[in-house]
Amino acid sequence: MTTPDNQVIVIPNKNVWGNVITNVTGSKTRRVDMVFGIGYGDDIAKAKEVLRRIVNSHSAVLQDPAPVIELHELGDSSVNFVVRPWCNTGDYWDVYFDLTEQIKKACDEKGLNIPFPQRDVHLHQVSV
């Protein structure tokens, strides 16, 4: 078997007969699963609209089935959305990379924060 990055993989027969094999290129279309987080102080409706506009304007994103863009979870550092557009299997990585870049740029332009884990350290002076 040859991978998309041209590596040759040899799978022993014993692994084929007793295990699950996932073929990510076996279907004509594929769902791109992405997660984007915004800050707790950011406008959820504004963020959702930015995500929807970018996803729906990408030429390789299929409209049927419709992309899913929903608030997913309240994370430790961010409010996370799932973004799940469909595309033709051959367009998967183009869609993934394009959307990641376009969403980052749009969030910057619209003043939406993309948080990253931070830790506060408090130092206390002890007299001896």
C-alpha atoms as a PDB file:
ATOM      1  CA  MET A   1       0.000   0.000   0.000  1.00  0.00           C
ATOM      2  CA  THR A   2       1.303   3.497  -0.823  1.00  0.00           C
ATOM      3  CA  THR A   3       0.343   6.507   1.329  1.00  0.00           C
ATOM      4  CA  PRO A   4      -0.479   9.970  -0.093  1.00  0.00           C
ATOM      5  CA  ASP A   5       3.007  11.133   0.918  1.00  0.00           C
ATOM      6  CA  ASN A   6       4.547   8.227  -1.037  1.00  0.00           C
ATOM      7  CA  GLN A   7       5.466   5.901   1.826  1.00  0.00           C
ATOM      8  CA  VAL A   8       5.130   2.190   1.160  1.00  0.00           C
ATOM      9  CA  ILE A   9       3.363   0.293   3.926  1.00  0.00           C
ATOM     10  CA  VAL A  10       3.444  -3.494   4.154  1.00  0.00           C
ATOM     11  CA  ILE A  11       0.721  -4.994   6.316  1.00  0.00           C
ATOM     12  CA  PRO A  12       1.219  -8.564   7.507  1.00  0.00           C
ATOM     13  CA  ASN A  13      -1.731 -10.859   6.732  1.00  0.00           C
ATOM     14  CA  LYS A  14      -2.356 -11.543  10.422  1.00  0.00           C
ATOM     15  CA  ASN A  15      -3.109  -7.824  10.907  1.00  0.00           C
ATOM     16  CA  VAL A  16      -5.552  -7.717   7.998  1.00  0.00           C
ATOM     17  CA  TRP A  17      -7.698 -10.663   9.068  1.00  0.00           C
ATOM     18  CA  GLY A  18      -8.246  -9.744  12.681  1.00  0.00           C
ATOM     19  CA  ASN A  19      -8.384  -5.948  12.689  1.00  0.00           C
ATOM     20  CA  VAL A  20     -10.357  -3.012  11.351  1.00  0.00           C
ATOM     21  CA  ILE A  21      -8.947  -1.221   8.315  1.00  0.00           C
ATOM     22  CA  THR A  22     -10.064   2.339   7.607  1.00  0.00           C
ATOM     23  CA  ASN A  23      -9.832   3.488   3.997  1.00  0.00           C
ATOM     24  CA  VAL A  24     -10.020   7.300   4.014  1.00  0.00           C
ATOM     25  CA  THR A  25      -9.875   7.505   0.202  1.00  0.00           C
ATOM     26  CA  GLY A  26     -12.416   4.778  -0.549  1.00  0.00           C
ATOM     27  CA  SER A  27     -15.401   7.108  -0.928  1.00  0.00           C
ATOM     28  CA  LYS A  28     -16.043   9.918  -3.394  1.00  0.00           C
ATOM     29  CA  THR A  29     -16.675  12.469  -0.647  1.00  0.00           C
ATOM     30  CA  ARG A  30     -15.244  13.029   2.809  1.00  0.00           C
ATOM     31  CA  ARG A  31     -16.106  15.152   5.831  1.00  0.00           C
ATOM     32  CA  VAL A  32     -13.434  17.514   7.124  1.00  0.00           C
ATOM     33  CA  ASP A  33     -13.605  17.611  10.947  1.00  0.00           C
ATOM     34  CA  MET A  34     -12.222  20.815  12.439  1.00  0.00           C
ATOM     35  CA  VAL A  35     -12.458  22.598  15.792  1.00  0.00           C
ATOM     36  CA  PHE A  36     -11.995  26.351  16.240  1.00  0.00           C
ATOM     37  CA  GLY A  37     -12.021  28.129  19.575  1.00  0.00           C
ATOM     38  CA  ILE A  38     -12.849  31.711  20.511  1.00  0.00           C
ATOM     39  CA  GLY A  39     -12.385  33.570  23.774  1.00  0.00           C
ATOM     40  CA  TYR A  40     -15.030  33.458  26.473  1.00  0.00           C
ATOM     41  CA  GLY A  41     -15.545  37.208  26.042  1.00  0.00           C
ATOM     42  CA  ASP A  42     -16.133  36.993  22.279  1.00  0.00           C
ATOM     43  CA  ASP A  43     -19.504  37.223  20.508  1.00  0.00           C
ATOM     44  CA  ILE A  44     -20.711  33.697  19.682  1.00  0.00           C
ATOM     45  CA  ALA A  45     -23.113  34.834  16.936  1.00  0.00           C
ATOM     46  CA  LYS A  46     -20.381  36.913  15.281  1.00  0.00           C
ATOM     47  CA  ALA A  47     -17.950  33.991  15.366  1.00  0.00           C
ATOM     48  CA  LYS A  48     -20.534  31.596  13.960  1.00  0.00           C
ATOM     49  CA  GLU A  49     -21.275  33.994  11.106  1.00  0.00           C
ATOM     50  CA  VAL A  50     -17.564  34.354  10.289  1.00  0.00           C
ATOM     51  CA  LEU A  51     -17.150  30.574  10.218  1.00  0.00           C
ATOM     52  CA  ARG A  52     -20.282  30.078   8.103  1.00  0.00           C
ATOM     53  CA  ARG A  53     -19.294  32.778   5.588  1.00  0.00           C
ATOM     54  CA  ILE A  54     -15.805  31.350   5.054  1.00  0.00           C
ATOM     55  CA  VAL A  55     -16.900  27.719   4.830  1.00  0.00           C
ATOM     56  CA  ASN A  56     -19.791  28.434   2.458  1.00  0.00           C
ATOM     57  CA  SER A  57     -17.629  30.579   0.166  1.00  0.00           C
ATOM     58  CA  HIS A  58     -14.927  27.941  -0.369  1.00  0.00           C
ATOM     59  CA  SER A  59     -15.243  26.594  -3.906  1.00  0.00           C
ATOM     60  CA  ALA A  60     -14.387  22.992  -2.952  1.00  0.00           C
ATOM     61  CA  VAL A  61     -16.852  22.732  -0.047  1.00  0.00           C
ATOM     62  CA  LEU A  62     -19.984  20.806  -1.022  1.00  0.00           C
ATOM     63  CA  GLN A  63     -23.361  22.282  -0.129  1.00  0.00           C
ATOM     64  CA  ASP A  64     -25.006  18.848   0.004  1.00  0.00           C
ATOM     65  CA  PRO A  65     -24.656  17.573   2.608  1.00  0.00           C
ATOM     66  CA  ALA A  66     -24.644  20.985   4.220  1.00  0.00           C
ATOM     67  CA  PRO A  67     -21.663  21.960   6.369  1.00  0.00           C
ATOM     68  CA  VAL A  68     -22.187  21.702  10.124  1.00  0.00           C
ATOM     69  CA  ILE A  69     -21.041  24.695  12.176  1.00  0.00           C
ATOM     70  CA  GLU A  70     -22.139  24.476  15.796  1.00  0.00           C
ATOM     71  CA  LEU A  71     -21.043  25.467  19.268  1.00  0.00           C
ATOM     72  CA  HIS A  72     -19.488  22.291  20.616  1.00  0.00           C
ATOM     73  CA  GLU A  73     -18.019  22.744  24.058  1.00  0.00           C
ATOM     74  CA  LEU A  74     -16.902  25.104  26.755  1.00  0.00           C
ATOM     75  CA  GLY A  75     -13.224  24.246  26.985  1.00  0.00           C
ATOM     76  CA  ASP A  76     -10.596  25.126  29.571  1.00  0.00           C
ATOM     77  CA  SER A  77      -9.355  28.117  27.577  1.00  0.00           C
ATOM     78  CA  SER A  78     -11.904  28.598  24.795  1.00  0.00           C
ATOM     79  CA  VAL A  79     -15.468  28.297  23.536  1.00  0.00           C
ATOM     80  CA  ASN A  80     -15.134  25.677  20.787  1.00  0.00           C
ATOM     81  CA  PHE A  81     -17.036  25.281  17.543  1.00  0.00           C
ATOM     82  CA  VAL A  82     -17.083  22.177  15.390  1.00  0.00           C
ATOM     83  CA  VAL A  83     -16.775  22.945  11.700  1.00  0.00           C
ATOM     84  CA  ARG A  84     -17.620  19.983   9.479  1.00  0.00           C
ATOM     85  CA  PRO A  85     -17.778  20.699   5.757  1.00  0.00           C
ATOM     86  CA  TRP A  86     -17.930  17.987   3.101  1.00  0.00           C
ATOM     87  CA  CYS A  87     -15.727  17.914   0.019  1.00  0.00           C
ATOM     88  CA  ASN A  88     -14.579  15.568  -2.703  1.00  0.00           C
ATOM     89  CA  THR A  89     -11.973  13.228  -1.245  1.00  0.00           C
ATOM     90  CA  GLY A  90      -9.239  14.584  -3.505  1.00  0.00           C
ATOM     91  CA  ASP A  91      -9.853  18.110  -2.160  1.00  0.00           C
ATOM     92  CA  TYR A  92      -9.636  17.142   1.515  1.00  0.00           C
ATOM     93  CA  TRP A  93      -6.248  18.663   2.374  1.00  0.00           C
ATOM     94  CA  ASP A  94      -6.791  21.777   0.244  1.00  0.00           C
ATOM     95  CA  VAL A  95     -10.048  22.435   2.098  1.00  0.00           C
ATOM     96  CA  TYR A  96      -8.484  21.697   5.489  1.00  0.00           C
ATOM     97  CA  PHE A  97      -5.481  23.989   4.974  1.00  0.00           C
ATOM     98  CA  ASP A  98      -7.400  26.768   3.181  1.00  0.00           C
ATOM     99  CA  LEU A  99     -10.128  26.962   5.812  1.00  0.00           C
ATOM    100  CA  THR A 100      -7.627  26.961   8.669  1.00  0.00           C
ATOM    101  CA  GLU A 101      -5.747  29.913   7.174  1.00  0.00           C
ATOM    102  CA  GLN A 102      -8.840  31.845   6.093  1.00  0.00           C
ATOM    103  CA  ILE A 103     -10.555  31.423   9.462  1.00  0.00           C
ATOM    104  CA  LYS A 104      -7.455  32.581  11.345  1.00  0.00           C
ATOM    105  CA  LYS A 105      -7.191  35.701   9.158  1.00  0.00           C
ATOM    106  CA  ALA A 106     -10.924  36.454   9.462  1.00  0.00           C
ATOM    107  CA  CYS A 107     -10.850  36.082  13.252  1.00  0.00           C
ATOM    108  CA  ASP A 108      -7.950  38.537  13.391  1.00  0.00           C
ATOM    109  CA  GLU A 109      -9.819  41.010  11.154  1.00  0.00           C
ATOM    110  CA  LYS A 110     -13.049  40.739  13.165  1.00  0.00           C
ATOM    111  CA  GLY A 111     -11.345  41.019  16.543  1.00  0.00           C
ATOM    112  CA  LEU A 112     -12.178  37.468  17.620  1.00  0.00           C
ATOM    113  CA  ASN A 113      -9.608  35.914  19.931  1.00  0.00           C
ATOM    114  CA  ILE A 114      -8.189  32.472  19.316  1.00  0.00           C
ATOM    115  CA  PRO A 115      -7.073  31.594  22.843  1.00  0.00           C
ATOM    116  CA  PHE A 116      -4.162  29.451  23.788  1.00  0.00           C
ATOM    117  CA  PRO A 117      -3.502  27.791  27.128  1.00  0.00           C
ATOM    118  CA  GLN A 118      -2.061  30.188  29.680  1.00  0.00           C
ATOM    119  CA  ARG A 119      -1.076  29.741  33.288  1.00  0.00           C
ATOM    120  CA  ASP A 120      -0.899  32.350  36.018  1.00  0.00           C
ATOM    121  CA  VAL A 121       1.935  31.912  38.480  1.00  0.00           C
ATOM    122  CA  HIS A 122       1.688  33.634  41.848  1.00  0.00           C
ATOM    123  CA  LEU A 123       4.853  34.057  43.879  1.00  0.00           C
ATOM    124  CA  HIS A 124       4.667  34.574  47.625  1.00  0.00           C
ATOM    125  CA  GLN A 125       7.604  35.834  49.591  1.00  0.00           C
ATOM    126  CA  VAL A 126       8.179  33.926  52.794  1.00  0.00           C
ATOM    127  CA  SER A 127      10.200  35.494  55.632  1.00  0.00           C
ATOM    128  CA  VAL A 128      12.660  33.257  57.382  1.00  0.00           C
END
